[in-house]
Protein backbone atom coordinates (compact mmCIF):
# COMPACT_ATOMS: atom_id res chain seq x y z
CA MET A 1 -0.79 -3.22 6.56
CA PRO A 2 -1.83 -6.87 6.31
CA ASP A 3 -3.55 -6.99 9.69
CA HIS A 4 -4.87 -3.53 10.47
CA TRP A 5 -5.79 -0.19 9.06
CA HIS A 6 -4.77 3.32 10.03
CA GLY A 7 -6.70 6.34 8.83
CA LEU A 8 -7.46 9.97 9.41
CA VAL A 9 -11.08 10.85 9.12
CA SER A 10 -13.10 13.98 9.66
CA LEU A 11 -16.43 13.08 11.08
CA GLY A 12 -18.56 16.03 10.29
CA GLU A 13 -22.10 15.16 11.48
CA GLU A 14 -21.52 11.38 11.51
CA THR A 15 -20.55 9.44 14.59
CA LEU A 16 -17.25 7.39 14.57
CA PRO A 17 -19.06 4.13 15.33
CA ARG A 18 -21.40 4.61 12.46
CA LEU A 19 -18.61 5.63 10.10
CA MET A 20 -16.54 2.59 11.07
CA GLN A 21 -19.57 0.30 10.62
CA ARG A 22 -20.09 1.66 7.06
CA PHE A 23 -16.36 1.54 6.28
CA LYS A 24 -15.90 -2.10 7.45
CA GLY A 25 -19.15 -3.27 5.90
CA THR A 26 -18.43 -1.66 2.50
CA LEU A 27 -14.84 -2.91 2.32
CA SER A 28 -15.84 -6.44 3.52
CA ARG A 29 -18.51 -6.76 0.85
CA LYS A 30 -16.18 -5.49 -1.84
CA LEU A 31 -13.34 -7.79 -0.85
CA SER A 32 -15.65 -10.79 -0.52
CA ALA A 33 -17.05 -10.21 -4.00
CA ASP A 34 -13.59 -9.56 -5.52
CA LEU A 35 -11.84 -12.46 -3.72
CA GLY A 36 -14.69 -14.98 -3.44
CA LYS A 37 -14.08 -15.27 0.24
CA HIS A 38 -16.75 -15.22 2.93
CA GLY A 39 -16.65 -14.75 6.67
CA PRO A 40 -15.46 -12.10 9.01
CA LEU A 41 -12.72 -9.76 7.79
CA TRP A 42 -12.67 -7.36 10.76
CA SER A 43 -12.62 -7.93 14.51
CA LYS A 44 -15.33 -6.22 16.54
CA GLY A 45 -14.68 -2.72 17.67
CA PHE A 46 -11.93 -0.29 16.82
CA HIS A 47 -9.34 1.93 18.59
CA ASP A 48 -9.48 5.66 18.07
CA ARG A 49 -7.62 8.74 19.15
CA ALA A 50 -9.07 12.22 18.72
CA LEU A 51 -6.77 14.92 17.22
CA ARG A 52 -7.39 18.48 18.14
CA ARG A 53 -4.59 20.45 16.51
CA ASP A 54 -3.14 20.69 13.03
CA GLU A 55 0.30 19.65 14.37
CA SER A 56 -1.17 16.46 15.79
CA MET A 57 -2.88 15.66 12.47
CA LEU A 58 0.31 16.19 10.57
CA ALA A 59 2.19 13.94 13.01
CA ALA A 60 -0.47 11.27 12.71
CA ALA A 61 -0.39 11.45 8.90
CA ARG A 62 3.37 11.06 8.91
CA TYR A 63 3.12 8.07 11.25
CA ILE A 64 0.54 6.37 9.01
CA ILE A 65 2.57 6.95 5.86
CA ALA A 66 5.87 5.69 7.37
CA ASN A 67 4.15 2.69 9.00
CA SER A 68 4.74 0.47 5.94
CA VAL A 69 8.46 1.12 6.08
CA ARG A 70 8.56 0.50 9.83
CA ALA A 71 6.70 -2.76 9.37
CA ARG A 72 9.34 -3.73 6.71
CA LEU A 73 6.63 -4.24 4.06
CA VAL A 74 8.54 -1.97 1.72
CA ASP A 75 12.01 -0.34 1.62
CA SER A 76 10.70 3.05 0.70
CA ILE A 77 7.32 4.75 1.12
CA GLU A 78 7.26 5.19 -2.56
CA ASP A 79 7.12 1.46 -2.92
CA TYR A 80 3.87 1.25 -0.90
CA PRO A 81 0.88 1.75 -3.29
CA TYR A 82 -0.98 4.08 -0.98
CA TRP A 83 1.85 6.26 0.39
CA ASP A 84 0.64 9.35 -1.38
CA ILE A 85 -2.98 9.16 -0.04
CA SER A 86 -2.33 11.73 2.60
CA LEU A 87 -2.97 15.15 3.98
CA THR A 88 0.69 16.07 3.81
CA HIS A 89 2.26 17.60 0.78
CA ASP A 90 5.93 17.89 1.45
CA ARG A 91 7.15 14.81 -0.33
CA ARG A 92 10.83 15.24 0.55
CA GLU A 93 10.07 15.55 4.23
CA LEU A 94 7.99 12.38 4.12
CA LEU A 95 10.76 10.50 2.37
CA ASP A 96 13.22 11.68 4.94
CA ILE A 97 10.99 10.66 7.89
CA ALA A 98 10.35 7.24 6.34
CA SER A 99 14.04 6.63 5.77
CA HIS A 100 14.75 7.19 9.43
CA SER A 101 11.76 5.18 10.66
CA ARG A 102 13.67 1.89 10.46
CA ASP A 103 16.19 3.07 13.00
């Protein structure tokens, strides 16, 4: 997505605010170095939603993967370079979900 990031994370012992601070900082430094741009990349804060069941996690993973198709960035999830970075492993089911997400 050009203006936001969706992700599934498992916190373990780390807090979400600390994890997000490290994520945003690391990515900002990397992009600044690679692109030669400086200044803020992220807005302050973040939105989160806790998932407590495997079914919820699978639904969230499907939503994230199909998001690039819904946003019309690509015609197929296979065209999005990060579509296969997921917890799901039923490729045909994901392709089917994504093809219906434009409706």
